[in-house]
């Protein structure tokens, strides 16, 4: 009977020891789990911040692209107008050169006639 009591006591001690080890392991695991959850929450917050920053940068870039496109379209219209003006000036120059050549030809003919008339007199 004393041996049985001792055996039961040894088993109780072993169970108590195992329970203490289990509780210690459980506390360590809970601590690790809490640490992981905290780490994930920090990463989640950083991810949201990164997304917000990226979205803001994207919006700013899009705005700059829109502005640049508007400016490019304005410059394109100005270039078209400038080309039209240049073409008009080229046409006017060609007409003026043509009139000058015609006047020069008429002047040469008149001078030749005058020279011929002078010889005849």
Foldseek 3Di string as FASTA:
>chain_A
DVVVVVVVVVVVVVVVVVVVVVVVVVVVVVVVVVVVVVVVVVVVVVVVVVVVVVVVVVVVVVVVVVVVVVVVVVVVVVVVVVVVVVVVVVVVVVVVVVVVVVVVVVVVVVVVVVVVVVVVD
